[in-house]
Protein backbone atom coordinates (compact mmCIF):
# COMPACT_ATOMS: atom_id res chain seq x y z
CA UNK A 1 2.13 -71.61 8.75
CA UNK A 2 4.91 -70.47 11.10
CA UNK A 3 4.02 -70.34 14.77
CA UNK A 4 6.38 -68.09 17.46
CA UNK A 5 5.38 -68.87 20.71
CA UNK A 6 6.27 -66.63 23.38
CA UNK A 7 4.89 -65.58 26.94
CA UNK A 8 6.08 -64.05 30.34
CA UNK A 9 5.40 -66.76 33.13
CA UNK A 10 8.82 -68.65 31.71
CA UNK A 11 9.38 -71.60 29.49
CA UNK A 12 8.79 -74.24 32.58
CA UNK A 13 5.33 -72.86 32.73
CA UNK A 14 2.16 -75.27 32.30
CA UNK A 15 0.38 -73.25 30.59
CA UNK A 16 2.71 -72.76 27.51
CA UNK A 17 3.21 -76.27 27.34
CA UNK A 18 -0.41 -76.95 26.70
CA UNK A 19 -0.69 -74.39 24.52
CA UNK A 20 2.59 -75.71 22.26
CA UNK A 21 0.63 -78.83 22.08
CA UNK A 22 -2.09 -77.57 20.14
CA UNK A 23 -0.33 -74.80 18.24
CA UNK A 24 1.88 -78.03 16.23
CA UNK A 25 -1.40 -79.48 14.89
CA UNK A 26 -1.93 -75.26 13.24
CA UNK A 27 1.99 -75.44 12.24
CA UNK A 28 5.70 -75.23 12.93
CA UNK A 29 6.16 -73.71 16.49
CA UNK A 30 9.11 -72.03 17.50
CA UNK A 31 9.07 -71.38 21.43
CA UNK A 32 11.07 -68.07 22.79
CA UNK A 33 10.00 -67.66 26.05
CA UNK A 34 12.12 -65.88 30.10
CA UNK A 35 14.15 -68.05 31.52
CA UNK A 36 11.89 -66.64 34.83
CA UNK A 37 8.47 -65.26 35.30
CA UNK A 38 8.29 -61.83 34.00
CA UNK A 39 4.36 -61.24 34.87
CA UNK A 40 3.79 -57.60 35.13
CA UNK A 41 6.97 -56.24 33.26
CA UNK A 42 5.09 -54.35 30.72
CA UNK A 43 7.16 -53.61 27.41
CA UNK A 44 9.91 -53.49 29.11
CA UNK A 45 13.09 -54.70 26.84
CA UNK A 46 17.00 -55.06 27.77
CA UNK A 47 19.41 -52.90 26.03
CA UNK A 48 21.91 -51.59 29.19
CA UNK A 49 23.53 -55.37 29.14
CA UNK A 50 23.57 -58.23 26.46
CA UNK A 51 20.68 -60.47 26.23
CA UNK A 52 21.73 -64.22 27.00
CA UNK A 53 19.78 -67.02 25.29
CA UNK A 54 20.16 -70.34 25.90
CA UNK A 55 18.68 -73.73 24.38
CA UNK A 56 16.06 -75.78 26.14
CA UNK A 57 15.02 -79.32 26.26
CA UNK A 58 12.40 -81.94 26.76
CA UNK A 59 12.70 -85.72 27.26
CA UNK A 60 16.03 -85.02 25.49
CA UNK A 61 14.99 -82.69 22.13
CA UNK A 62 15.06 -79.18 21.55
CA UNK A 63 12.16 -77.83 23.16
CA UNK A 64 12.91 -73.74 22.38
CA UNK A 65 15.14 -70.71 23.24
CA UNK A 66 15.40 -69.92 26.97
CA UNK A 67 16.14 -65.83 27.31
CA UNK A 68 17.24 -63.73 30.35
CA UNK A 69 14.73 -60.88 29.16
CA UNK A 70 11.19 -60.45 28.93
CA UNK A 71 8.54 -60.99 26.73
CA UNK A 72 8.97 -58.48 24.31
CA UNK A 73 12.61 -59.29 24.16
CA UNK A 74 11.65 -62.84 23.61
CA UNK A 75 9.88 -61.80 20.75
CA UNK A 76 12.60 -59.68 18.78
CA UNK A 77 14.67 -62.35 19.17
CA UNK A 78 12.67 -64.86 17.62
CA UNK A 79 12.00 -62.80 14.47
CA UNK A 80 15.29 -61.19 14.15
CA UNK A 81 17.32 -64.45 14.96
CA UNK A 82 15.63 -67.86 15.89
CA UNK A 83 12.45 -68.38 13.40
CA UNK A 84 14.15 -69.71 10.10
CA UNK A 85 11.78 -67.09 8.54
CA UNK A 86 9.68 -64.28 9.74
CA UNK A 87 6.96 -65.75 11.59
CA UNK A 88 2.98 -65.76 9.71
CA UNK A 89 1.34 -65.38 13.46
CA UNK A 90 2.78 -64.27 16.99
CA UNK A 91 0.85 -66.19 20.35
CA UNK A 92 1.90 -64.69 23.67
CA UNK A 93 0.52 -67.17 26.29
CA UNK A 94 -1.52 -69.02 27.65
CA UNK A 95 -1.06 -66.65 30.23
CA UNK A 96 -2.32 -68.23 34.03
CA UNK A 97 -4.41 -65.46 34.90
CA UNK A 98 -6.39 -63.00 33.20
CA UNK A 99 -5.43 -59.65 31.08
CA UNK A 100 -8.29 -57.11 31.37
CA UNK A 101 -9.15 -53.72 31.99
CA UNK A 102 -6.29 -51.19 32.53
CA UNK A 103 -4.25 -54.19 34.02
CA UNK A 104 -3.59 -54.71 30.46
CA UNK A 105 -0.91 -51.50 29.71
CA UNK A 106 1.22 -53.84 32.75
CA UNK A 107 0.92 -57.21 31.27
CA UNK A 108 3.85 -58.73 29.45
CA UNK A 109 1.71 -61.26 27.77
CA UNK A 110 0.04 -58.37 25.56
CA UNK A 111 3.38 -56.53 25.70
CA UNK A 112 4.64 -59.46 23.53
CA UNK A 113 1.46 -59.21 21.41
CA UNK A 114 2.29 -55.42 21.00
CA UNK A 115 5.87 -56.26 20.06
CA UNK A 116 4.62 -58.39 17.28
CA UNK A 117 1.99 -55.66 16.04
CA UNK A 118 5.14 -53.51 15.62
CA UNK A 119 6.83 -56.07 13.10
CA UNK A 120 3.50 -56.32 11.03
CA UNK A 121 2.55 -59.81 12.27
CA UNK A 122 -0.39 -61.19 13.37
CA UNK A 123 -0.30 -60.88 17.05
CA UNK A 124 -2.42 -62.85 19.24
CA UNK A 125 -2.37 -62.45 23.38
CA UNK A 126 -3.90 -65.00 24.85
CA UNK A 127 -4.60 -65.15 28.88
CA UNK A 128 -6.69 -67.89 31.03
CA UNK A 129 -8.66 -66.31 34.22
CA UNK A 130 -7.57 -68.55 37.57
CA UNK A 131 -10.87 -68.63 39.71
CA UNK A 132 -9.78 -72.62 40.37
CA UNK A 133 -8.10 -74.85 38.77
CA UNK A 134 -7.84 -74.34 34.97
CA UNK A 135 -7.78 -76.58 32.60
CA UNK A 136 -4.86 -75.16 30.31
CA UNK A 137 -5.37 -77.80 27.74
CA UNK A 138 -9.34 -76.94 27.18
CA UNK A 139 -8.85 -73.52 26.74
CA UNK A 140 -5.83 -74.42 24.31
CA UNK A 141 -7.37 -76.23 22.11
CA UNK A 142 -10.23 -73.33 22.01
CA UNK A 143 -8.33 -70.67 21.33
CA UNK A 144 -6.34 -72.95 17.91
CA UNK A 145 -9.82 -72.11 15.88
CA UNK A 146 -10.70 -68.80 16.82
CA UNK A 147 -6.99 -67.41 16.53
CA UNK A 148 -7.53 -69.15 12.67
CA UNK A 149 -10.89 -67.34 12.22
CA UNK A 150 -9.26 -63.90 13.26
CA UNK A 151 -6.18 -64.06 11.53
CA UNK A 152 -7.99 -63.11 7.75
CA UNK A 153 -9.23 -59.63 9.49
CA UNK A 154 -6.69 -58.46 11.24
CA UNK A 155 -5.42 -55.04 10.30
CA UNK A 156 -1.70 -53.82 9.84
CA UNK A 157 -0.54 -52.31 13.88
CA UNK A 158 -3.28 -54.22 15.09
CA UNK A 159 -3.44 -57.15 17.75
CA UNK A 160 -5.75 -59.41 20.23
CA UNK A 161 -6.12 -59.89 23.59
CA UNK A 162 -8.07 -63.42 23.85
CA UNK A 163 -9.66 -64.09 27.64
CA UNK A 164 -11.07 -67.54 28.53
CA UNK A 165 -13.09 -68.22 32.07
CA UNK A 166 -12.13 -71.15 34.32
CA UNK A 167 -13.90 -74.29 33.55
CA UNK A 168 -17.68 -74.31 35.31
CA UNK A 169 -20.65 -75.93 33.87
CA UNK A 170 -21.91 -74.02 30.91
CA UNK A 171 -18.59 -72.02 30.85
CA UNK A 172 -17.83 -71.20 28.38
CA UNK A 173 -21.42 -69.78 27.18
CA UNK A 174 -19.40 -68.24 23.97
CA UNK A 175 -17.32 -65.80 22.67
CA UNK A 176 -17.85 -62.03 22.85
CA UNK A 177 -16.57 -59.07 21.03
CA UNK A 178 -15.76 -55.91 23.86
CA UNK A 179 -13.82 -53.13 24.61
CA UNK A 180 -10.56 -52.60 27.45
CA UNK A 181 -12.71 -51.65 30.45
CA UNK A 182 -11.20 -48.84 31.81
CA UNK A 183 -12.66 -47.55 35.28
CA UNK A 184 -11.24 -49.51 38.16
CA UNK A 185 -12.66 -48.82 41.53
CA UNK A 186 -10.28 -49.10 43.59
CA UNK A 187 -6.21 -48.85 44.26
CA UNK A 188 -5.04 -50.95 47.12
CA UNK A 189 -1.13 -51.02 48.44
CA UNK A 190 -1.12 -53.17 51.64
CA UNK A 191 1.16 -52.24 54.08
CA UNK A 192 2.94 -54.87 56.28
CA UNK A 193 6.56 -54.84 59.20
CA UNK A 194 8.70 -57.08 58.79
CA UNK A 195 10.30 -59.36 61.32
CA UNK A 196 13.11 -56.17 61.94
CA UNK A 197 9.86 -53.24 62.09
CA UNK A 198 10.80 -52.28 58.53
CA UNK A 199 7.47 -51.29 56.43
CA UNK A 200 7.19 -52.91 52.84
CA UNK A 201 4.23 -52.92 50.20
CA UNK A 202 2.42 -55.49 48.38
CA UNK A 203 0.80 -53.76 46.12
CA UNK A 204 -2.99 -55.34 45.25
CA UNK A 205 -3.62 -56.04 41.15
CA UNK A 206 -6.68 -57.77 40.68
CA UNK A 207 -7.91 -57.09 37.20
CA UNK A 208 -11.04 -58.31 38.26
CA UNK A 209 -11.98 -57.20 41.04
CA UNK A 210 -10.30 -53.38 41.22
CA UNK A 211 -13.15 -52.51 37.96
CA UNK A 212 -16.91 -51.60 37.40
CA UNK A 213 -18.85 -54.24 36.02
CA UNK A 214 -19.50 -51.70 32.72
CA UNK A 215 -21.45 -53.27 30.27
CA UNK A 216 -19.95 -54.50 26.99
CA UNK A 217 -16.63 -54.72 28.65
CA UNK A 218 -13.78 -57.40 28.98
CA UNK A 219 -14.27 -57.78 32.46
CA UNK A 220 -18.41 -58.22 32.57
CA UNK A 221 -18.50 -60.71 29.81
CA UNK A 222 -15.46 -62.42 31.14
CA UNK A 223 -17.22 -62.86 34.97
CA UNK A 224 -20.09 -64.06 32.56
CA UNK A 225 -18.73 -66.82 31.05
CA UNK A 226 -17.99 -65.30 28.26
CA UNK A 227 -14.72 -65.71 26.03
CA UNK A 228 -13.77 -62.20 25.56
CA UNK A 229 -12.04 -61.02 22.09
CA UNK A 230 -10.65 -57.21 22.32
CA UNK A 231 -8.98 -55.72 19.45
CA UNK A 232 -6.07 -53.80 20.13
CA UNK A 233 -3.73 -50.79 18.65
CA UNK A 234 -0.05 -49.95 19.66
CA UNK A 235 -0.70 -46.52 18.16
CA UNK A 236 -1.95 -44.45 21.28
CA UNK A 237 -2.70 -41.44 19.26
CA UNK A 238 -6.29 -39.98 20.52
CA UNK A 239 -7.61 -39.32 16.91
CA UNK A 240 -10.56 -37.33 17.57
CA UNK A 241 -9.15 -34.87 19.87
CA UNK A 242 -5.85 -34.53 17.76
CA UNK A 243 -8.04 -33.78 14.66
CA UNK A 244 -10.33 -31.07 16.68
CA UNK A 245 -7.05 -29.26 18.08
CA UNK A 246 -5.43 -29.19 14.48
CA UNK A 247 -8.93 -27.53 13.27
CA UNK A 248 -8.47 -24.81 15.24
CA UNK A 249 -5.69 -21.51 15.14
CA UNK A 250 -2.91 -21.50 17.08
CA UNK A 251 -1.28 -18.09 17.68
CA UNK A 252 1.18 -18.66 20.51
CA UNK A 253 3.36 -15.95 21.50
CA UNK A 254 6.65 -16.52 20.33
CA UNK A 255 9.91 -17.01 22.75
CA UNK A 256 11.31 -13.79 24.08
């Protein structure tokens, strides 16, 4: 089993190292991660300037590749250049912060898993809700058997988005297969003024408090202490509506 491990928090993130330690018990691991944090970059790719990668060492031993680019860039380089063979699975994470609701579309962690799905490789985005001190090691230990169980269920073009609740008494309660929440309750932009009187803005993106707690969604179940699992697909086509449109007869006038 060969595993490509990427993230969006950067190659020095403690959560990456905790997950790496657990994944080594599953198989051979190649680490390809951004040089600096890339949270919220979505599916950004680098093509207007060269991608630079450096070897990263820990305690005098080679650890992985540090890429001056995005999480999606890391997957491309990992699959096409740095892995000794095509990876059997791609793991993106463990992200410090939940990736749920509409904010999934902004996530560099999820984007890396989407990029893996582009290559036809089973891919998992793993995230830890940071509501208090996290236990990255415990979530990483829970992630491995969960990924192993889901691996044979993975369909072409599909990926998995998995979120872990924070460590509280009795949590996690269990595993829930849920939909991605799509209903936001608010949008926030906070305006401030710098010492020279110039305005600047902070975008308020809280993946839990900015959404409605609809039943059967990742947002609600994560707040109730469950590990949430959502199957995603990179094909954004609205298939039902498309079939309705194709069934209609369209007699549009020709251009003059």
